[in-house]
Amino acid sequence: MPLAGYLIVDHYGKNVVHVPPYLIAERVDTIVKDGKTTYDTVYHQVKDFTLTNQLGEKVSLYDIKNRIVVVDFFFTSCPTICPTLTRNLKMVQEAYNKHDTLIQILSLTVDPERDTAQKLKAYADKYSIDPKNWWLLTGDKKEIYDLARYEFFVNAVQGDGGPDDFIHTEKFVVIDKDRYIRGYYNGLDTNDVRRMVNDIAVLHIAKDKKKPGLLKRLFSKN
C-alpha cells in the first residue's frame, strides 16, 4: 500500500499535493535590494557525521548524499518501543526494497557502549535488515547524543552525553537530499508511518520534476 500510494501521488498529484515544509528555522536574513527590503528564512541543514555501521564500516551522510534519509534512535536491548519502531521501519524498507537508492534508513543506537557493531549485526539479522539501504550505527556516545539534540532535534532535555544521560524517543525524522529536516513522525503509529512514506514520495517528486515520471523510472529496464 505505501508504494502504491507513492505511485499514485507521482502520477496524478504533481501540482496539487502538499509538499512537506522546511523545518527548524535558524535565522531570518534581511535583504535590501533596489530600495526594497525582503526577508529570507535560513533553515537548519544537518551536518555531515561519520559513525560505524553493523558491518563494521565507517560511513557518513556524504556516502548517501543523493538519498532521502529516515533517522531514528534505538538500542538493541530495548524491551519496549524499539521493537515496534524497527518493525515499522522494516515495512518502510520493504516498500522501497526494489528501489533501494531512493531512501536510506539510519538507526542510531543510544547505548553505543554496549551496542557494538557485532551486536548491531545480530540485531539486523534478527529483523532481516538489508544493509544496502538501512544502517544501524554506533560510535561515541556524546557525538550521537549531540546529533539527537542539536542536529535532529528529537530531544529538548539538556544533557552532556555522560553516563547518566539517556535519550529515548519514538520519533522518525525525514531529511531531504539537501539535508534539510522535512518531517517528524510518530514511529509507533502505523498511520503516521504511512504518512511519512507518502511524504517521502512527494519530496522525490518535488526534487526531481525535470526527470521522467516515477512510474517510468521505477519500471524502466535501464
N, C-alpha and C. Protein backbone atom coordinates (compact mmCIF):
# COMPACT_ATOMS: atom_id res chain seq x y z
N MET A 1 0.80 -1.22 0.00
CA MET A 1 0.00 0.00 0.00
C MET A 1 0.84 1.27 0.00
N PRO A 2 1.90 1.41 0.81
CA PRO A 2 2.67 2.65 0.76
C PRO A 2 3.24 2.93 -0.61
N LEU A 3 3.82 1.90 -1.28
CA LEU A 3 4.41 2.14 -2.59
C LEU A 3 3.33 2.45 -3.61
N ALA A 4 2.16 1.82 -3.50
CA ALA A 4 1.06 2.14 -4.40
C ALA A 4 0.66 3.60 -4.25
N GLY A 5 0.61 4.06 -2.98
CA GLY A 5 0.31 5.47 -2.75
C GLY A 5 1.35 6.36 -3.36
N TYR A 6 2.60 5.94 -3.27
CA TYR A 6 3.73 6.67 -3.86
C TYR A 6 3.50 6.86 -5.37
N LEU A 7 3.13 5.78 -6.06
CA LEU A 7 2.95 5.84 -7.49
C LEU A 7 1.77 6.72 -7.87
N ILE A 8 0.68 6.61 -7.12
CA ILE A 8 -0.50 7.42 -7.41
C ILE A 8 -0.19 8.89 -7.24
N VAL A 9 0.48 9.23 -6.13
CA VAL A 9 0.84 10.63 -5.90
C VAL A 9 1.71 11.15 -7.03
N ASP A 10 2.68 10.36 -7.46
CA ASP A 10 3.59 10.79 -8.51
C ASP A 10 2.86 11.00 -9.82
N HIS A 11 1.95 10.09 -10.14
CA HIS A 11 1.32 10.12 -11.46
C HIS A 11 0.25 11.20 -11.57
N TYR A 12 -0.49 11.44 -10.47
CA TYR A 12 -1.64 12.32 -10.57
C TYR A 12 -1.51 13.64 -9.82
N GLY A 13 -0.57 13.72 -8.87
CA GLY A 13 -0.65 14.85 -7.96
C GLY A 13 0.49 15.82 -7.96
N LYS A 14 1.25 15.93 -9.04
CA LYS A 14 2.44 16.77 -9.01
C LYS A 14 2.13 18.23 -8.73
N ASN A 15 0.96 18.68 -9.13
CA ASN A 15 0.65 20.10 -8.99
C ASN A 15 -0.31 20.40 -7.83
N VAL A 16 -0.80 19.36 -7.15
CA VAL A 16 -1.80 19.59 -6.12
C VAL A 16 -1.41 19.04 -4.76
N VAL A 17 -0.43 18.15 -4.69
CA VAL A 17 -0.05 17.52 -3.43
C VAL A 17 0.75 18.49 -2.57
N HIS A 18 0.42 18.52 -1.29
CA HIS A 18 1.16 19.37 -0.34
C HIS A 18 2.58 18.86 -0.16
N VAL A 19 3.55 19.73 -0.36
CA VAL A 19 4.95 19.37 -0.19
C VAL A 19 5.34 19.59 1.27
N PRO A 20 5.97 18.61 1.93
CA PRO A 20 6.39 18.79 3.32
C PRO A 20 7.25 20.04 3.47
N PRO A 21 7.00 20.85 4.48
CA PRO A 21 7.72 22.12 4.63
C PRO A 21 9.13 21.92 5.15
N TYR A 22 9.93 22.96 5.02
CA TYR A 22 11.22 23.00 5.69
C TYR A 22 10.96 23.30 7.16
N LEU A 23 11.70 22.62 8.03
CA LEU A 23 11.52 22.78 9.47
C LEU A 23 12.81 23.31 10.10
N ILE A 24 12.71 23.78 11.33
CA ILE A 24 13.84 24.25 12.15
C ILE A 24 14.53 25.46 11.51
N ALA A 25 13.85 26.59 11.61
CA ALA A 25 14.45 27.85 11.13
C ALA A 25 15.58 28.27 12.07
N GLU A 26 16.71 28.65 11.51
CA GLU A 26 17.86 29.07 12.31
C GLU A 26 17.96 30.59 12.44
N ARG A 27 17.58 31.29 11.38
CA ARG A 27 17.64 32.75 11.42
C ARG A 27 16.85 33.32 10.25
N VAL A 28 16.62 34.63 10.30
CA VAL A 28 15.98 35.32 9.19
C VAL A 28 16.93 36.42 8.73
N ASP A 29 17.37 36.35 7.48
CA ASP A 29 18.27 37.35 6.92
C ASP A 29 17.47 38.47 6.28
N THR A 30 17.93 39.69 6.50
CA THR A 30 17.31 40.86 5.87
C THR A 30 18.09 41.20 4.60
N ILE A 31 17.37 41.30 3.50
CA ILE A 31 18.00 41.59 2.21
C ILE A 31 17.42 42.88 1.66
N VAL A 32 18.30 43.84 1.39
CA VAL A 32 17.88 45.12 0.81
C VAL A 32 18.43 45.20 -0.60
N LYS A 33 17.55 45.34 -1.59
CA LYS A 33 17.96 45.41 -2.98
C LYS A 33 17.06 46.39 -3.73
N ASP A 34 17.69 47.34 -4.40
CA ASP A 34 16.95 48.37 -5.16
C ASP A 34 15.94 49.08 -4.28
N GLY A 35 16.34 49.34 -3.04
CA GLY A 35 15.47 50.07 -2.13
C GLY A 35 14.35 49.24 -1.52
N LYS A 36 14.29 47.97 -1.84
CA LYS A 36 13.24 47.10 -1.31
C LYS A 36 13.84 46.13 -0.30
N THR A 37 13.13 45.94 0.80
CA THR A 37 13.58 45.05 1.86
C THR A 37 12.78 43.75 1.83
N THR A 38 13.49 42.65 1.78
CA THR A 38 12.84 41.34 1.87
C THR A 38 13.52 40.53 2.96
N TYR A 39 12.87 39.46 3.36
CA TYR A 39 13.39 38.64 4.45
C TYR A 39 13.48 37.18 3.98
N ASP A 40 14.61 36.58 4.28
CA ASP A 40 14.87 35.22 3.84
C ASP A 40 15.13 34.34 5.06
N THR A 41 14.28 33.34 5.24
CA THR A 41 14.46 32.41 6.36
C THR A 41 15.51 31.37 6.00
N VAL A 42 16.48 31.21 6.87
CA VAL A 42 17.54 30.21 6.67
C VAL A 42 17.24 29.02 7.58
N TYR A 43 17.10 27.86 6.97
CA TYR A 43 16.73 26.66 7.73
C TYR A 43 17.95 25.80 8.05
N HIS A 44 17.81 25.03 9.09
CA HIS A 44 18.89 24.17 9.57
C HIS A 44 19.19 23.06 8.56
N GLN A 45 20.47 22.88 8.26
CA GLN A 45 20.93 21.74 7.48
C GLN A 45 21.73 20.82 8.39
N VAL A 46 21.41 19.54 8.36
CA VAL A 46 22.10 18.56 9.20
C VAL A 46 23.54 18.43 8.72
N LYS A 47 24.47 18.54 9.64
CA LYS A 47 25.88 18.46 9.29
C LYS A 47 26.28 17.01 8.98
N ASP A 48 27.36 16.86 8.25
CA ASP A 48 27.87 15.52 7.96
C ASP A 48 28.44 14.92 9.26
N PHE A 49 28.36 13.62 9.36
CA PHE A 49 28.94 12.92 10.51
C PHE A 49 29.36 11.53 10.06
N THR A 50 30.26 10.94 10.81
CA THR A 50 30.75 9.60 10.49
C THR A 50 30.57 8.69 11.70
N LEU A 51 29.92 7.55 11.49
CA LEU A 51 29.73 6.56 12.52
C LEU A 51 30.02 5.18 11.94
N THR A 52 29.90 4.14 12.76
CA THR A 52 30.20 2.77 12.32
C THR A 52 28.91 1.98 12.17
N ASN A 53 28.75 1.32 11.02
CA ASN A 53 27.51 0.57 10.81
C ASN A 53 27.63 -0.88 11.27
N GLN A 54 26.57 -1.66 11.05
CA GLN A 54 26.50 -3.04 11.55
C GLN A 54 27.50 -3.96 10.85
N LEU A 55 28.09 -3.50 9.76
CA LEU A 55 29.11 -4.29 9.07
C LEU A 55 30.51 -3.91 9.51
N GLY A 56 30.60 -3.00 10.48
CA GLY A 56 31.90 -2.54 10.95
C GLY A 56 32.53 -1.50 10.06
N GLU A 57 31.76 -0.91 9.14
CA GLU A 57 32.27 0.08 8.19
C GLU A 57 32.05 1.50 8.71
N LYS A 58 33.02 2.36 8.49
CA LYS A 58 32.85 3.78 8.76
C LYS A 58 32.03 4.39 7.62
N VAL A 59 30.90 5.01 7.96
CA VAL A 59 30.01 5.56 6.93
C VAL A 59 29.60 6.97 7.34
N SER A 60 29.20 7.76 6.36
CA SER A 60 28.83 9.14 6.63
C SER A 60 27.63 9.55 5.78
N LEU A 61 27.07 10.72 6.08
CA LEU A 61 26.00 11.26 5.24
C LEU A 61 26.48 11.49 3.82
N TYR A 62 27.75 11.84 3.67
CA TYR A 62 28.29 12.08 2.34
C TYR A 62 28.17 10.84 1.46
N ASP A 63 28.24 9.66 2.07
CA ASP A 63 28.15 8.42 1.31
C ASP A 63 26.76 8.20 0.72
N ILE A 64 25.76 8.89 1.25
CA ILE A 64 24.38 8.71 0.78
C ILE A 64 23.80 10.06 0.39
N LYS A 65 24.60 10.89 -0.24
CA LYS A 65 24.23 12.28 -0.47
C LYS A 65 23.08 12.45 -1.45
N ASN A 66 22.74 11.44 -2.24
CA ASN A 66 21.66 11.57 -3.21
C ASN A 66 20.39 10.86 -2.78
N ARG A 67 20.28 10.57 -1.49
CA ARG A 67 19.10 9.86 -1.00
C ARG A 67 18.36 10.70 0.04
N ILE A 68 17.06 10.47 0.12
CA ILE A 68 16.29 10.98 1.25
C ILE A 68 16.54 10.02 2.42
N VAL A 69 16.69 10.57 3.61
CA VAL A 69 17.12 9.78 4.77
C VAL A 69 16.04 9.78 5.85
N VAL A 70 15.80 8.59 6.40
CA VAL A 70 14.92 8.43 7.56
C VAL A 70 15.79 8.07 8.76
N VAL A 71 15.65 8.80 9.85
CA VAL A 71 16.50 8.62 11.02
C VAL A 71 15.66 8.24 12.23
N ASP A 72 16.15 7.28 13.01
CA ASP A 72 15.54 7.03 14.33
C ASP A 72 16.64 6.69 15.32
N PHE A 73 16.25 6.66 16.59
CA PHE A 73 17.18 6.36 17.69
C PHE A 73 16.62 5.19 18.48
N PHE A 74 17.47 4.22 18.78
CA PHE A 74 17.02 2.97 19.41
C PHE A 74 18.19 2.38 20.20
N PHE A 75 17.96 1.21 20.83
CA PHE A 75 19.07 0.40 21.34
C PHE A 75 18.64 -1.06 21.34
N THR A 76 19.58 -1.95 21.15
CA THR A 76 19.25 -3.35 20.86
C THR A 76 18.60 -4.08 22.03
N SER A 77 18.87 -3.64 23.26
CA SER A 77 18.29 -4.33 24.42
C SER A 77 16.98 -3.71 24.87
N CYS A 78 16.47 -2.74 24.14
CA CYS A 78 15.23 -2.06 24.49
C CYS A 78 14.05 -3.04 24.41
N PRO A 79 13.30 -3.22 25.52
CA PRO A 79 12.19 -4.17 25.50
C PRO A 79 10.83 -3.53 25.20
N THR A 80 10.81 -2.22 25.05
CA THR A 80 9.51 -1.53 24.96
C THR A 80 9.24 -1.02 23.54
N ILE A 81 9.62 0.22 23.23
CA ILE A 81 9.20 0.81 21.97
C ILE A 81 10.08 0.41 20.78
N CYS A 82 11.33 0.06 21.03
CA CYS A 82 12.27 -0.15 19.92
C CYS A 82 11.87 -1.28 18.97
N PRO A 83 11.40 -2.43 19.47
CA PRO A 83 10.97 -3.46 18.52
C PRO A 83 9.86 -2.99 17.58
N THR A 84 8.93 -2.19 18.10
CA THR A 84 7.87 -1.66 17.25
C THR A 84 8.42 -0.67 16.23
N LEU A 85 9.33 0.20 16.68
CA LEU A 85 9.96 1.14 15.75
C LEU A 85 10.66 0.38 14.63
N THR A 86 11.39 -0.67 14.99
CA THR A 86 12.13 -1.43 13.99
C THR A 86 11.19 -2.13 13.03
N ARG A 87 10.12 -2.73 13.53
CA ARG A 87 9.17 -3.41 12.64
C ARG A 87 8.52 -2.42 11.68
N ASN A 88 8.20 -1.22 12.16
CA ASN A 88 7.59 -0.22 11.28
C ASN A 88 8.58 0.28 10.24
N LEU A 89 9.84 0.43 10.64
CA LEU A 89 10.85 0.80 9.65
C LEU A 89 11.09 -0.33 8.66
N LYS A 90 10.93 -1.56 9.11
CA LYS A 90 11.06 -2.70 8.21
C LYS A 90 10.01 -2.62 7.11
N MET A 91 8.79 -2.20 7.45
CA MET A 91 7.75 -2.03 6.44
C MET A 91 8.15 -0.95 5.43
N VAL A 92 8.78 0.11 5.93
CA VAL A 92 9.24 1.17 5.04
C VAL A 92 10.32 0.62 4.10
N GLN A 93 11.26 -0.12 4.66
CA GLN A 93 12.32 -0.69 3.82
C GLN A 93 11.74 -1.62 2.76
N GLU A 94 10.80 -2.45 3.14
CA GLU A 94 10.21 -3.39 2.19
C GLU A 94 9.45 -2.65 1.08
N ALA A 95 8.84 -1.51 1.41
CA ALA A 95 8.13 -0.74 0.40
C ALA A 95 9.07 -0.22 -0.67
N TYR A 96 10.32 0.04 -0.28
CA TYR A 96 11.30 0.61 -1.21
C TYR A 96 12.40 -0.37 -1.60
N ASN A 97 12.28 -1.61 -1.19
CA ASN A 97 13.41 -2.53 -1.29
C ASN A 97 13.92 -2.72 -2.71
N LYS A 98 13.00 -2.77 -3.68
CA LYS A 98 13.42 -2.96 -5.06
C LYS A 98 14.00 -1.68 -5.67
N HIS A 99 13.83 -0.57 -4.96
CA HIS A 99 14.29 0.72 -5.45
C HIS A 99 15.12 1.37 -4.34
N ASP A 100 16.14 0.63 -3.89
CA ASP A 100 16.81 0.98 -2.64
C ASP A 100 17.66 2.24 -2.72
N THR A 101 17.84 2.81 -3.90
CA THR A 101 18.61 4.05 -3.97
C THR A 101 17.76 5.28 -3.69
N LEU A 102 16.46 5.10 -3.46
CA LEU A 102 15.59 6.24 -3.19
C LEU A 102 15.75 6.75 -1.76
N ILE A 103 15.92 5.83 -0.82
CA ILE A 103 15.99 6.23 0.59
C ILE A 103 17.15 5.53 1.27
N GLN A 104 17.50 6.06 2.45
CA GLN A 104 18.45 5.39 3.35
C GLN A 104 17.89 5.53 4.76
N ILE A 105 17.82 4.43 5.47
CA ILE A 105 17.38 4.44 6.86
C ILE A 105 18.62 4.40 7.76
N LEU A 106 18.65 5.29 8.74
CA LEU A 106 19.74 5.32 9.72
C LEU A 106 19.14 5.13 11.11
N SER A 107 19.52 4.07 11.80
CA SER A 107 19.10 3.83 13.17
C SER A 107 20.32 3.99 14.07
N LEU A 108 20.33 5.05 14.86
CA LEU A 108 21.48 5.35 15.73
C LEU A 108 21.21 4.80 17.12
N THR A 109 22.13 3.99 17.63
CA THR A 109 21.94 3.46 18.97
C THR A 109 22.21 4.54 20.02
N VAL A 110 21.37 4.57 21.05
CA VAL A 110 21.58 5.49 22.17
C VAL A 110 22.32 4.79 23.31
N ASP A 111 22.74 3.54 23.06
CA ASP A 111 23.53 2.78 24.04
C ASP A 111 24.79 2.25 23.34
N PRO A 112 25.60 3.17 22.81
CA PRO A 112 26.73 2.73 21.97
C PRO A 112 27.81 1.98 22.70
N GLU A 113 27.91 2.15 24.01
CA GLU A 113 28.95 1.44 24.76
C GLU A 113 28.70 -0.06 24.75
N ARG A 114 27.43 -0.46 24.73
CA ARG A 114 27.10 -1.88 24.67
C ARG A 114 26.76 -2.34 23.27
N ASP A 115 26.22 -1.45 22.47
CA ASP A 115 25.83 -1.81 21.11
C ASP A 115 27.02 -1.67 20.17
N THR A 116 27.85 -2.69 20.18
CA THR A 116 28.98 -2.75 19.26
C THR A 116 28.47 -3.09 17.85
N ALA A 117 29.36 -3.00 16.88
CA ALA A 117 28.98 -3.37 15.51
C ALA A 117 28.50 -4.83 15.47
N GLN A 118 29.12 -5.70 16.27
CA GLN A 118 28.72 -7.10 16.29
C GLN A 118 27.29 -7.26 16.82
N LYS A 119 26.95 -6.51 17.88
CA LYS A 119 25.59 -6.58 18.41
C LYS A 119 24.59 -6.01 17.42
N LEU A 120 24.98 -4.94 16.75
CA LEU A 120 24.09 -4.36 15.75
C LEU A 120 23.86 -5.34 14.60
N LYS A 121 24.91 -6.07 14.22
CA LYS A 121 24.76 -7.06 13.14
C LYS A 121 23.80 -8.17 13.55
N ALA A 122 23.91 -8.64 14.80
CA ALA A 122 23.00 -9.67 15.28
C ALA A 122 21.56 -9.17 15.29
N TYR A 123 21.37 -7.92 15.69
CA TYR A 123 20.04 -7.31 15.70
C TYR A 123 19.51 -7.18 14.27
N ALA A 124 20.37 -6.75 13.37
CA ALA A 124 19.98 -6.62 11.97
C ALA A 124 19.57 -7.97 11.39
N ASP A 125 20.32 -8.99 11.71
CA ASP A 125 19.98 -10.34 11.22
C ASP A 125 18.65 -10.81 11.78
N LYS A 126 18.38 -10.49 13.02
CA LYS A 126 17.12 -10.89 13.66
C LYS A 126 15.92 -10.33 12.91
N TYR A 127 16.06 -9.09 12.42
CA TYR A 127 14.95 -8.44 11.73
C TYR A 127 15.11 -8.45 10.20
N SER A 128 16.07 -9.21 9.70
CA SER A 128 16.32 -9.32 8.25
C SER A 128 16.49 -7.95 7.61
N ILE A 129 17.32 -7.13 8.25
CA ILE A 129 17.58 -5.78 7.76
C ILE A 129 18.64 -5.83 6.67
N ASP A 130 18.30 -5.28 5.51
CA ASP A 130 19.23 -5.25 4.38
C ASP A 130 20.13 -4.03 4.51
N PRO A 131 21.45 -4.21 4.62
CA PRO A 131 22.35 -3.07 4.81
C PRO A 131 22.49 -2.16 3.60
N LYS A 132 21.93 -2.57 2.45
CA LYS A 132 22.04 -1.73 1.26
C LYS A 132 21.40 -0.37 1.48
N ASN A 133 20.29 -0.34 2.22
CA ASN A 133 19.66 0.96 2.46
C ASN A 133 19.17 1.14 3.90
N TRP A 134 19.81 0.38 4.82
CA TRP A 134 19.48 0.57 6.24
C TRP A 134 20.73 0.27 7.06
N TRP A 135 21.26 1.31 7.68
CA TRP A 135 22.42 1.16 8.55
C TRP A 135 22.02 1.33 10.00
N LEU A 136 22.49 0.41 10.84
CA LEU A 136 22.43 0.56 12.29
C LEU A 136 23.78 1.12 12.71
N LEU A 137 23.76 2.22 13.44
CA LEU A 137 25.00 2.98 13.65
C LEU A 137 25.39 3.10 15.13
N THR A 138 26.67 2.98 15.38
CA THR A 138 27.22 3.16 16.71
C THR A 138 28.45 4.06 16.63
N GLY A 139 28.89 4.53 17.78
CA GLY A 139 30.04 5.42 17.82
C GLY A 139 30.18 6.04 19.19
N ASP A 140 30.75 7.23 19.25
CA ASP A 140 30.93 7.94 20.51
C ASP A 140 29.58 8.41 21.04
N LYS A 141 29.32 8.15 22.31
CA LYS A 141 28.01 8.49 22.88
C LYS A 141 27.72 9.98 22.81
N LYS A 142 28.70 10.81 23.19
CA LYS A 142 28.45 12.25 23.18
C LYS A 142 28.14 12.74 21.76
N GLU A 143 28.84 12.21 20.78
CA GLU A 143 28.57 12.62 19.40
C GLU A 143 27.15 12.24 18.99
N ILE A 144 26.73 11.02 19.31
CA ILE A 144 25.38 10.58 18.96
C ILE A 144 24.32 11.41 19.67
N TYR A 145 24.55 11.70 20.95
CA TYR A 145 23.57 12.47 21.70
C TYR A 145 23.53 13.92 21.23
N ASP A 146 24.68 14.47 20.84
CA ASP A 146 24.68 15.82 20.27
C ASP A 146 23.94 15.84 18.94
N LEU A 147 24.08 14.78 18.14
CA LEU A 147 23.31 14.70 16.89
C LEU A 147 21.82 14.67 17.17
N ALA A 148 21.42 13.88 18.17
CA ALA A 148 20.00 13.79 18.51
C ALA A 148 19.44 15.14 18.94
N ARG A 149 20.22 15.88 19.74
CA ARG A 149 19.72 17.13 20.31
C ARG A 149 19.87 18.33 19.37
N TYR A 150 21.01 18.44 18.71
CA TYR A 150 21.35 19.68 18.03
C TYR A 150 21.36 19.59 16.51
N GLU A 151 21.24 18.37 15.97
CA GLU A 151 21.13 18.23 14.53
C GLU A 151 19.75 17.74 14.11
N PHE A 152 19.20 16.75 14.86
CA PHE A 152 17.89 16.21 14.52
C PHE A 152 16.78 16.72 15.44
N PHE A 153 17.14 17.31 16.57
CA PHE A 153 16.18 17.97 17.47
C PHE A 153 15.06 17.03 17.92
N VAL A 154 15.42 15.83 18.34
CA VAL A 154 14.41 14.87 18.81
C VAL A 154 14.28 14.87 20.32
N ASN A 155 15.11 15.66 21.01
CA ASN A 155 15.05 15.69 22.46
C ASN A 155 15.36 17.09 22.95
N ALA A 156 14.44 17.65 23.75
CA ALA A 156 14.61 19.02 24.22
C ALA A 156 15.27 19.09 25.59
N VAL A 157 15.50 17.94 26.22
CA VAL A 157 16.11 17.90 27.54
C VAL A 157 17.62 18.02 27.40
N GLN A 158 18.20 18.93 28.14
CA GLN A 158 19.64 19.13 28.08
C GLN A 158 20.39 17.94 28.68
N GLY A 159 21.58 17.70 28.17
CA GLY A 159 22.41 16.62 28.69
C GLY A 159 23.82 16.74 28.14
N ASP A 160 24.73 15.98 28.73
CA ASP A 160 26.13 16.09 28.34
C ASP A 160 26.67 14.83 27.67
N GLY A 161 25.79 13.85 27.41
CA GLY A 161 26.26 12.61 26.82
C GLY A 161 27.05 11.73 27.77
N GLY A 162 26.96 12.05 29.07
CA GLY A 162 27.70 11.29 30.07
C GLY A 162 26.98 10.01 30.48
N PRO A 163 27.51 9.31 31.49
CA PRO A 163 26.95 8.02 31.91
C PRO A 163 25.48 8.09 32.34
N ASP A 164 25.05 9.23 32.91
CA ASP A 164 23.68 9.34 33.40
C ASP A 164 22.73 9.95 32.37
N ASP A 165 23.24 10.28 31.21
CA ASP A 165 22.42 10.89 30.16
C ASP A 165 21.78 9.79 29.32
N PHE A 166 20.49 9.96 29.01
CA PHE A 166 19.80 8.94 28.22
C PHE A 166 18.71 9.58 27.39
N ILE A 167 18.63 9.17 26.13
CA ILE A 167 17.60 9.65 25.22
C ILE A 167 16.78 8.46 24.74
N HIS A 168 15.47 8.60 24.79
CA HIS A 168 14.56 7.55 24.32
C HIS A 168 13.42 8.25 23.60
N THR A 169 13.29 8.06 22.30
CA THR A 169 12.27 8.77 21.54
C THR A 169 11.63 7.86 20.51
N GLU A 170 10.35 8.10 20.25
CA GLU A 170 9.62 7.34 19.24
C GLU A 170 9.61 8.04 17.88
N LYS A 171 10.31 9.16 17.77
CA LYS A 171 10.25 9.96 16.55
C LYS A 171 11.07 9.37 15.41
N PHE A 172 10.50 9.44 14.21
CA PHE A 172 11.24 9.26 12.98
C PHE A 172 11.45 10.65 12.38
N VAL A 173 12.63 10.87 11.82
CA VAL A 173 12.96 12.16 11.21
C VAL A 173 13.27 11.93 9.73
N VAL A 174 12.69 12.76 8.87
CA VAL A 174 12.99 12.69 7.44
C VAL A 174 13.80 13.91 7.05
N ILE A 175 14.95 13.68 6.41
CA ILE A 175 15.73 14.79 5.86
C ILE A 175 15.85 14.58 4.35
N ASP A 176 15.81 15.67 3.62
CA ASP A 176 15.82 15.56 2.17
C ASP A 176 17.25 15.43 1.63
N LYS A 177 17.37 15.41 0.31
CA LYS A 177 18.68 15.19 -0.31
C LYS A 177 19.66 16.32 -0.05
N ASP A 178 19.14 17.49 0.33
CA ASP A 178 20.00 18.63 0.65
C ASP A 178 20.23 18.76 2.15
N ARG A 179 19.76 17.74 2.92
CA ARG A 179 19.98 17.63 4.36
C ARG A 179 19.17 18.63 5.19
N TYR A 180 18.03 19.04 4.66
CA TYR A 180 17.08 19.84 5.44
C TYR A 180 16.07 18.90 6.09
N ILE A 181 15.67 19.20 7.32
CA ILE A 181 14.65 18.41 8.01
C ILE A 181 13.29 18.76 7.42
N ARG A 182 12.54 17.72 6.99
CA ARG A 182 11.26 17.96 6.33
C ARG A 182 10.09 17.30 7.05
N GLY A 183 10.34 16.55 8.13
CA GLY A 183 9.21 15.96 8.83
C GLY A 183 9.61 15.16 10.05
N TYR A 184 8.70 15.18 11.05
CA TYR A 184 8.79 14.33 12.24
C TYR A 184 7.54 13.46 12.29
N TYR A 185 7.71 12.20 12.66
CA TYR A 185 6.60 11.25 12.62
C TYR A 185 6.66 10.35 13.84
N ASN A 186 5.49 9.92 14.30
CA ASN A 186 5.41 9.00 15.43
C ASN A 186 5.65 7.59 14.90
N GLY A 187 6.80 7.04 15.22
CA GLY A 187 7.17 5.73 14.71
C GLY A 187 6.38 4.58 15.29
N LEU A 188 5.55 4.85 16.32
CA LEU A 188 4.71 3.81 16.90
C LEU A 188 3.33 3.77 16.27
N ASP A 189 3.02 4.76 15.45
CA ASP A 189 1.70 4.91 14.84
C ASP A 189 1.79 4.54 13.36
N THR A 190 1.20 3.42 12.96
CA THR A 190 1.32 2.96 11.58
C THR A 190 0.70 3.96 10.60
N ASN A 191 -0.33 4.68 11.01
CA ASN A 191 -0.91 5.69 10.13
C ASN A 191 0.08 6.82 9.89
N ASP A 192 0.81 7.21 10.93
CA ASP A 192 1.81 8.26 10.77
C ASP A 192 2.98 7.77 9.93
N VAL A 193 3.31 6.49 10.05
CA VAL A 193 4.38 5.92 9.23
C VAL A 193 3.96 5.93 7.76
N ARG A 194 2.70 5.61 7.48
CA ARG A 194 2.21 5.68 6.09
C ARG A 194 2.27 7.11 5.58
N ARG A 195 1.93 8.06 6.44
CA ARG A 195 2.02 9.47 6.04
C ARG A 195 3.46 9.82 5.70
N MET A 196 4.40 9.30 6.48
CA MET A 196 5.81 9.56 6.22
C MET A 196 6.22 9.01 4.86
N VAL A 197 5.80 7.79 4.54
CA VAL A 197 6.14 7.18 3.25
C VAL A 197 5.60 8.02 2.10
N ASN A 198 4.37 8.51 2.24
CA ASN A 198 3.80 9.36 1.20
C ASN A 198 4.54 10.69 1.09
N ASP A 199 4.95 11.24 2.25
CA ASP A 199 5.71 12.50 2.22
C ASP A 199 7.06 12.30 1.54
N ILE A 200 7.69 11.17 1.76
CA ILE A 200 8.95 10.87 1.08
C ILE A 200 8.74 10.85 -0.42
N ALA A 201 7.63 10.24 -0.85
CA ALA A 201 7.32 10.20 -2.28
C ALA A 201 7.18 11.60 -2.84
N VAL A 202 6.48 12.46 -2.12
CA VAL A 202 6.27 13.82 -2.58
C VAL A 202 7.59 14.57 -2.67
N LEU A 203 8.48 14.34 -1.69
CA LEU A 203 9.79 15.01 -1.72
C LEU A 203 10.60 14.57 -2.94
N HIS A 204 10.50 13.31 -3.32
CA HIS A 204 11.19 12.87 -4.53
C HIS A 204 10.63 13.57 -5.76
N ILE A 205 9.32 13.69 -5.82
CA ILE A 205 8.68 14.34 -6.96
C ILE A 205 9.08 15.80 -7.02
N ALA A 206 9.04 16.47 -5.89
CA ALA A 206 9.36 17.90 -5.85
C ALA A 206 10.80 18.13 -6.26
N LYS A 207 11.69 17.23 -5.89
CA LYS A 207 13.11 17.40 -6.20
C LYS A 207 13.41 17.05 -7.64
N ASP A 208 12.67 16.10 -8.19
CA ASP A 208 13.03 15.55 -9.49
C ASP A 208 12.01 15.89 -10.56
N LYS A 209 11.47 17.11 -10.55
CA LYS A 209 10.44 17.48 -11.51
C LYS A 209 10.91 17.36 -12.95
N LYS A 210 12.21 17.53 -13.19
CA LYS A 210 12.72 17.51 -14.55
C LYS A 210 13.02 16.09 -15.03
N LYS A 211 12.91 15.12 -14.13
CA LYS A 211 13.18 13.74 -14.51
C LYS A 211 11.89 13.09 -15.03
N PRO A 212 11.98 11.94 -15.73
CA PRO A 212 10.78 11.23 -16.17
C PRO A 212 9.92 10.87 -14.96
N GLY A 213 8.64 10.65 -15.19
CA GLY A 213 7.74 10.27 -14.11
C GLY A 213 8.21 9.03 -13.39
N LEU A 214 7.83 8.90 -12.13
CA LEU A 214 8.33 7.80 -11.31
C LEU A 214 7.93 6.44 -11.87
N LEU A 215 6.72 6.32 -12.40
CA LEU A 215 6.29 5.05 -12.97
C LEU A 215 7.28 4.59 -14.04
N LYS A 216 7.70 5.53 -14.89
CA LYS A 216 8.63 5.20 -15.95
C LYS A 216 10.00 4.87 -15.39
N ARG A 217 10.45 5.65 -14.38
CA ARG A 217 11.78 5.43 -13.81
C ARG A 217 11.89 4.13 -13.06
N LEU A 218 10.85 3.81 -12.25
CA LEU A 218 10.93 2.61 -11.41
C LEU A 218 10.90 1.33 -12.23
N PHE A 219 10.15 1.35 -13.33
CA PHE A 219 9.96 0.10 -14.06
C PHE A 219 10.69 0.09 -15.40
N SER A 220 11.59 1.06 -15.59
CA SER A 220 12.40 1.08 -16.79
C SER A 220 13.42 -0.05 -16.73
N LYS A 221 13.69 -0.66 -17.83
CA LYS A 221 14.69 -1.75 -17.88
C LYS A 221 16.07 -1.22 -17.61
N ASN A 222 16.27 0.09 -17.79
CA ASN A 222 17.57 0.67 -17.54
C ASN A 222 17.71 1.03 -16.07
